[in-house]
Amino acid sequence: MKIFVHVNNSLQFKTAEVNGDHKVGHLVKDFAPELVHHQDFLEDVEIYLENQDDDFDKGITIDEAGIKHGDHIFIGRCKKVSVNINYAGRTFATNVGPATSMKKLKKLSLGFFGIDEVSGADLLLQLNQVPLDPRQLVGSLTDYPSCGVNLTLASKKDVNGDLSYDLLQDHLNSPEYQSGEIEGRWGTTIIENGPSWPVFFFWVVSSTGEKFDFKFDFAGYPNSAPTGVLWDISNKRVLEQSKRPLNTKRAAQVFKIWGKECNYLPCDRLAFDLGHAADWRTQHPHLIWNSQSDTFLKYLNEVYQVLNP
């Protein structure tokens, strides 16, 4: 089964492949080794299921713990997290378990501020002006050994100035995207202090199991197609030629460096504007962006197909 692992000091959660007879305690060494320098420290690290306050017994199995396919878990040293959520000059202060999701925190904060669900639909939680995924767990936002975090509850329009970010979030919650995320085909990459909207990052897995990061620009989405490019997260630049997945003729064509910072695809805004639009309309009509019906999944699915021939 696949589960998603969140750890202290990292906004990026990992996809983990585990068996039901896998010991819960082994999750630490297998998927969060940076938290354990030697055996003595293992006792200081706890494991929690999303939105559960009690940690697991490390000696039981995955099946005995009730962990299921697609679950999110937190691994870390923070037992409780002190959270301050700021909204319109007021602050909601609470202490929660480290596996508390942003979705649950938002619901708690709406109750505190007296905001109904209809009005709350236009709000989201941010960390340093970066919008947070509803499934993000609060423990991963902490800078351990400090187990506290300051968040802002803000209007989605404060993030993007239009409805494009709102629409992307709706599409991220779609069954098509969620099923691919659970199966480990793709996921979002959150970069601390990274570019703000309309820039957004995804990773897509290849047939070799390697994950490739993509930087997307969603300006004008969905009236305009997104534009994306292979990205080097560590060095904050376009991925260099030698590290690109160019193992097939199709991949070499799509992921080539051709003078523009985008993938060579008909559904890419920049490539379509500067590429062979007339030929593509005839040869690849199914890949031409339709602003009335398409979502970023058209693009993401095509990238996945190229990486998994």
Protein backbone atom coordinates (compact mmCIF):
# COMPACT_ATOMS: atom_id res chain seq x y z
CA MET A 1 0.00 0.00 0.00
CA LYS A 2 1.01 3.63 -0.41
CA ILE A 3 0.95 6.12 2.45
CA PHE A 4 2.15 9.71 2.72
CA VAL A 5 4.80 10.59 5.30
CA HIS A 6 5.21 14.07 6.83
CA VAL A 7 8.17 14.96 9.07
CA ASN A 8 9.39 17.91 11.17
CA ASN A 9 11.01 20.80 9.29
CA SER A 10 9.84 19.80 5.81
CA LEU A 11 6.90 21.04 3.76
CA GLN A 12 7.45 18.25 1.25
CA PHE A 13 5.78 14.99 2.21
CA LYS A 14 6.94 11.65 0.86
CA THR A 15 5.15 8.75 -0.78
CA ALA A 16 6.00 5.51 1.01
CA GLU A 17 5.34 1.95 -0.19
CA VAL A 18 4.70 -0.35 2.79
CA ASN A 19 3.34 -3.81 3.58
CA GLY A 20 0.72 -4.55 6.19
CA ASP A 21 3.17 -6.59 8.25
CA HIS A 22 5.68 -3.72 8.27
CA LYS A 23 6.43 -2.60 11.85
CA VAL A 24 5.26 0.94 12.62
CA GLY A 25 8.60 1.73 14.25
CA HIS A 26 10.45 0.85 11.06
CA LEU A 27 8.75 3.75 9.30
CA VAL A 28 11.12 6.10 11.09
CA LYS A 29 14.32 4.44 9.86
CA ASP A 30 12.93 3.69 6.40
CA PHE A 31 11.32 7.02 5.56
CA ALA A 32 12.63 9.60 8.05
CA PRO A 33 16.23 8.50 8.80
CA GLU A 34 17.29 12.12 9.25
CA LEU A 35 15.38 12.11 12.56
CA VAL A 36 17.36 9.23 14.06
CA HIS A 37 21.13 9.47 14.46
CA HIS A 38 21.44 6.39 16.65
CA GLN A 39 19.15 3.92 18.42
CA ASP A 40 18.71 6.05 21.57
CA PHE A 41 16.94 8.78 19.61
CA LEU A 42 14.30 6.42 18.22
CA GLU A 43 12.35 6.66 21.48
CA ASP A 44 12.12 10.44 21.08
CA VAL A 45 10.41 10.17 17.70
CA GLU A 46 6.67 9.50 17.57
CA ILE A 47 4.33 8.44 14.76
CA TYR A 48 0.77 9.72 14.38
CA LEU A 49 -2.12 9.20 11.98
CA GLU A 50 -3.65 12.30 10.41
CA ASN A 51 -5.86 14.19 12.89
CA GLN A 52 -5.15 11.70 15.71
CA ASP A 53 -3.59 12.93 18.96
CA ASP A 54 -2.34 9.57 20.26
CA ASP A 55 0.91 8.21 18.87
CA PHE A 56 1.28 4.63 17.67
CA ASP A 57 2.98 1.80 19.51
CA LYS A 58 6.11 1.30 17.40
CA GLY A 59 6.07 -2.45 17.99
CA ILE A 60 2.80 -3.17 16.20
CA THR A 61 2.32 -3.72 12.48
CA ILE A 62 0.81 -1.36 9.91
CA ASP A 63 -2.31 -3.54 9.78
CA GLU A 64 -2.63 -3.66 13.57
CA ALA A 65 -2.33 0.14 13.70
CA GLY A 66 -5.21 0.49 11.24
CA ILE A 67 -3.13 2.45 8.73
CA LYS A 68 -4.76 2.20 5.30
CA HIS A 69 -3.82 2.83 1.69
CA GLY A 70 -3.69 6.59 1.04
CA ASP A 71 -3.39 7.62 4.71
CA HIS A 72 -1.19 10.53 5.80
CA ILE A 73 1.04 10.09 8.87
CA PHE A 74 3.39 12.35 10.81
CA ILE A 75 6.81 11.29 12.07
CA GLY A 76 8.64 13.66 14.40
CA ARG A 77 9.64 14.82 17.85
CA CYS A 78 6.98 17.47 18.43
CA LYS A 79 4.27 16.00 20.68
CA LYS A 80 2.14 19.14 20.56
CA VAL A 81 2.27 22.19 18.28
CA SER A 82 1.45 25.70 19.42
CA VAL A 83 -0.47 27.37 16.58
CA ASN A 84 -1.36 31.05 16.15
CA ILE A 85 -3.74 31.83 13.30
CA ASN A 86 -4.13 35.51 12.43
CA TYR A 87 -7.21 36.91 10.72
CA ALA A 88 -8.39 40.52 10.38
CA GLY A 89 -6.33 41.72 13.33
CA ARG A 90 -7.40 38.89 15.65
CA THR A 91 -5.49 35.79 16.70
CA PHE A 92 -6.72 32.25 17.33
CA ALA A 93 -4.24 30.43 19.59
CA THR A 94 -4.46 26.68 20.09
CA ASN A 95 -2.36 23.62 20.88
CA VAL A 96 -2.91 20.63 18.63
CA GLY A 97 -1.34 17.31 17.79
CA PRO A 98 1.41 17.40 15.15
CA ALA A 99 -0.70 15.31 12.75
CA THR A 100 -3.49 17.89 12.63
CA SER A 101 -4.28 18.75 9.00
CA MET A 102 -4.72 22.22 7.55
CA LYS A 103 -8.31 21.26 6.70
CA LYS A 104 -9.08 20.61 10.38
CA LEU A 105 -7.19 23.71 11.54
CA LYS A 106 -9.14 25.85 9.12
CA LYS A 107 -12.43 24.46 10.44
CA LEU A 108 -11.36 25.19 14.03
CA SER A 109 -10.32 28.74 13.13
CA LEU A 110 -13.58 29.44 11.27
CA GLY A 111 -15.46 28.43 14.40
CA PHE A 112 -13.32 30.70 16.59
CA PHE A 113 -13.73 33.71 14.29
CA GLY A 114 -17.46 33.07 13.83
CA ILE A 115 -17.23 32.59 10.06
CA ASP A 116 -19.87 30.43 8.38
CA GLU A 117 -18.96 27.71 5.87
CA VAL A 118 -20.14 29.72 2.86
CA SER A 119 -17.92 32.70 3.70
CA GLY A 120 -15.13 30.36 4.83
CA ALA A 121 -14.98 28.71 1.42
CA ASP A 122 -13.15 31.79 0.14
CA LEU A 123 -10.46 31.54 2.84
CA LEU A 124 -7.31 29.48 3.15
CA LEU A 125 -4.38 29.04 5.52
CA GLN A 126 -0.98 30.43 4.56
CA LEU A 127 2.54 30.13 5.92
CA ASN A 128 4.74 33.12 5.02
CA GLN A 129 2.22 34.02 2.28
CA VAL A 130 2.48 30.51 0.79
CA PRO A 131 -0.93 28.75 0.50
CA LEU A 132 -1.02 25.40 2.27
CA ASP A 133 -2.40 22.13 0.97
CA PRO A 134 -5.49 21.03 2.99
CA ARG A 135 -3.75 17.69 3.67
CA GLN A 136 -0.56 19.31 4.97
CA LEU A 137 0.08 18.30 8.61
CA VAL A 138 0.98 21.07 11.03
CA GLY A 139 3.98 19.27 12.53
CA SER A 140 5.84 19.51 9.24
CA LEU A 141 5.57 23.32 9.38
CA THR A 142 7.52 23.54 12.63
CA ASP A 143 11.18 24.41 12.84
CA TYR A 144 12.14 21.77 15.45
CA PRO A 145 13.14 22.04 18.29
CA SER A 146 10.63 24.89 18.22
CA CYS A 147 7.17 23.29 18.10
CA GLY A 148 5.16 26.35 17.18
CA VAL A 149 3.96 27.99 13.99
CA ASN A 150 2.25 31.23 12.96
CA LEU A 151 -0.30 31.03 10.16
CA THR A 152 -2.57 33.49 8.40
CA LEU A 153 -6.19 32.91 7.40
CA ALA A 154 -6.61 34.93 4.23
CA SER A 155 -8.91 35.35 1.28
CA LYS A 156 -7.98 33.36 -1.80
CA LYS A 157 -8.21 36.62 -3.71
CA ASP A 158 -5.39 37.96 -1.52
CA VAL A 159 -3.24 35.17 -2.91
CA ASN A 160 -3.94 35.48 -6.58
CA GLY A 161 -6.10 38.55 -7.19
CA ASP A 162 -8.46 36.43 -9.30
CA LEU A 163 -10.21 33.08 -9.27
CA SER A 164 -7.44 31.01 -10.89
CA TYR A 165 -5.96 29.75 -7.61
CA ASP A 166 -9.44 28.90 -6.32
CA LEU A 167 -10.12 26.85 -9.45
CA LEU A 168 -6.79 25.05 -9.20
CA GLN A 169 -7.60 24.03 -5.61
CA ASP A 170 -10.94 22.65 -6.79
CA HIS A 171 -9.15 20.66 -9.47
CA LEU A 172 -6.59 19.38 -6.96
CA ASN A 173 -9.50 17.96 -4.97
CA SER A 174 -10.91 16.14 -7.99
CA PRO A 175 -11.05 12.31 -7.97
CA GLU A 176 -8.81 12.21 -11.05
CA TYR A 177 -5.99 14.09 -9.35
CA GLN A 178 -6.45 12.47 -5.93
CA SER A 179 -6.39 8.92 -7.33
CA GLY A 180 -3.16 9.66 -9.20
CA GLU A 181 -1.64 11.13 -6.04
CA ILE A 182 -2.59 8.09 -3.95
CA GLU A 183 -1.18 5.75 -6.60
CA GLY A 184 2.07 7.71 -6.57
CA ARG A 185 1.91 9.01 -10.14
CA TRP A 186 2.26 12.67 -9.14
CA GLY A 187 2.02 15.12 -6.28
CA THR A 188 2.54 18.74 -5.29
CA THR A 189 5.95 20.09 -4.32
CA ILE A 190 5.86 22.83 -1.69
CA ILE A 191 8.95 25.03 -1.57
CA GLU A 192 9.64 27.12 1.51
CA ASN A 193 10.11 30.78 0.58
CA GLY A 194 9.51 29.85 -3.05
CA PRO A 195 7.79 31.86 -5.79
CA SER A 196 4.21 32.92 -5.17
CA TRP A 197 1.12 32.21 -7.24
CA PRO A 198 0.64 31.81 -10.21
CA VAL A 199 3.82 29.70 -9.97
CA PHE A 200 3.13 26.17 -8.68
CA PHE A 201 5.22 23.00 -8.50
CA PHE A 202 4.37 19.35 -9.17
CA TRP A 203 6.44 16.19 -9.26
CA VAL A 204 5.73 13.34 -11.68
CA VAL A 205 7.17 9.84 -11.35
CA SER A 206 8.88 8.06 -14.27
CA SER A 207 8.89 4.38 -15.22
CA THR A 208 12.22 4.02 -13.37
CA GLY A 209 10.67 5.30 -10.13
CA GLU A 210 12.54 8.61 -10.28
CA LYS A 211 10.50 11.72 -9.49
CA PHE A 212 10.94 14.77 -11.67
CA ASP A 213 9.92 18.23 -10.51
CA PHE A 214 8.09 20.64 -12.79
CA LYS A 215 7.62 24.37 -12.38
CA PHE A 216 4.26 25.57 -13.71
CA ASP A 217 3.00 29.06 -14.46
CA PHE A 218 -0.80 29.22 -14.16
CA ALA A 219 -1.29 32.84 -15.22
CA GLY A 220 -4.79 33.21 -16.64
CA TYR A 221 -5.78 29.63 -15.75
CA PRO A 222 -7.98 28.01 -16.99
CA ASN A 223 -8.80 30.48 -19.78
CA SER A 224 -5.16 30.10 -20.75
CA ALA A 225 -3.20 26.85 -20.68
CA PRO A 226 -0.48 26.48 -18.04
CA THR A 227 3.15 26.44 -19.10
CA GLY A 228 5.61 24.08 -17.43
CA VAL A 229 9.27 23.12 -17.42
CA LEU A 230 11.52 20.55 -15.77
CA TRP A 231 12.92 22.17 -12.65
CA ASP A 232 15.93 21.77 -10.39
CA ILE A 233 14.46 22.42 -6.94
CA SER A 234 17.81 22.49 -5.12
CA ASN A 235 19.43 25.01 -7.46
CA LYS A 236 16.24 26.96 -8.28
CA ARG A 237 16.70 26.80 -12.03
CA VAL A 238 15.66 24.91 -15.14
CA LEU A 239 16.90 21.31 -15.02
CA GLU A 240 20.12 20.89 -16.95
CA GLN A 241 20.29 18.71 -20.06
CA SER A 242 22.33 15.89 -18.47
CA LYS A 243 19.69 15.31 -15.77
CA ARG A 244 16.66 15.25 -18.06
CA PRO A 245 14.73 12.04 -18.87
CA LEU A 246 15.52 11.81 -22.58
CA ASN A 247 15.49 8.00 -22.89
CA THR A 248 12.82 7.78 -25.61
CA LYS A 249 12.25 9.65 -28.85
CA ARG A 250 9.06 11.20 -27.46
CA ALA A 251 10.74 12.26 -24.19
CA ALA A 252 13.68 13.75 -26.08
CA GLN A 253 11.24 15.81 -28.13
CA VAL A 254 9.05 16.99 -25.23
CA PHE A 255 11.81 17.67 -22.69
CA LYS A 256 14.46 19.09 -25.02
CA ILE A 257 16.06 22.44 -24.31
CA TRP A 258 14.93 24.58 -27.24
CA GLY A 259 15.51 28.14 -26.11
CA LYS A 260 12.23 28.58 -24.23
CA GLU A 261 11.56 27.64 -20.61
CA CYS A 262 8.77 25.18 -21.30
CA ASN A 263 8.03 21.61 -22.34
CA TYR A 264 7.47 21.12 -26.05
CA LEU A 265 3.78 20.16 -25.88
CA PRO A 266 0.65 21.40 -27.68
CA CYS A 267 -1.10 21.86 -24.31
CA ASP A 268 1.68 24.17 -23.05
CA ARG A 269 0.77 27.86 -23.41
CA LEU A 270 4.26 29.09 -24.29
CA ALA A 271 5.13 26.17 -26.56
CA PHE A 272 1.84 26.50 -28.44
CA ASP A 273 2.35 30.24 -28.96
CA LEU A 274 5.94 29.83 -30.14
CA GLY A 275 5.90 26.31 -31.58
CA HIS A 276 4.10 24.68 -34.49
CA ALA A 277 0.51 25.60 -33.66
CA ALA A 278 -0.82 24.99 -37.18
CA ASP A 279 0.73 21.50 -37.38
CA TRP A 280 -0.32 20.62 -33.84
CA ARG A 281 -3.97 21.48 -34.54
CA THR A 282 -3.91 18.86 -37.29
CA GLN A 283 -1.62 16.24 -35.78
CA HIS A 284 -2.52 16.44 -32.07
CA PRO A 285 -6.01 17.97 -31.77
CA HIS A 286 -6.66 16.06 -28.51
CA LEU A 287 -3.75 17.91 -26.86
CA ILE A 288 -4.86 21.42 -27.78
CA TRP A 289 -6.04 23.33 -24.71
CA ASN A 290 -9.81 23.79 -24.40
CA SER A 291 -10.49 26.57 -21.90
CA GLN A 292 -14.10 25.45 -21.48
CA SER A 293 -13.40 21.89 -20.38
CA ASP A 294 -9.70 21.28 -19.67
CA THR A 295 -7.88 21.36 -16.34
CA PHE A 296 -4.17 21.04 -15.55
CA LEU A 297 -4.74 17.25 -15.51
CA LYS A 298 -4.60 17.23 -19.31
CA TYR A 299 -1.04 18.53 -19.05
CA LEU A 300 -0.07 16.39 -16.04
CA ASN A 301 -1.44 13.22 -17.63
CA GLU A 302 0.50 13.87 -20.83
CA VAL A 303 3.75 14.42 -18.92
CA TYR A 304 3.10 11.17 -17.01
CA GLN A 305 2.54 9.29 -20.29
CA VAL A 306 5.79 10.64 -21.73
CA LEU A 307 7.70 9.56 -18.61
CA ASN A 308 6.01 6.17 -18.61
CA PRO A 309 5.95 4.91 -22.22
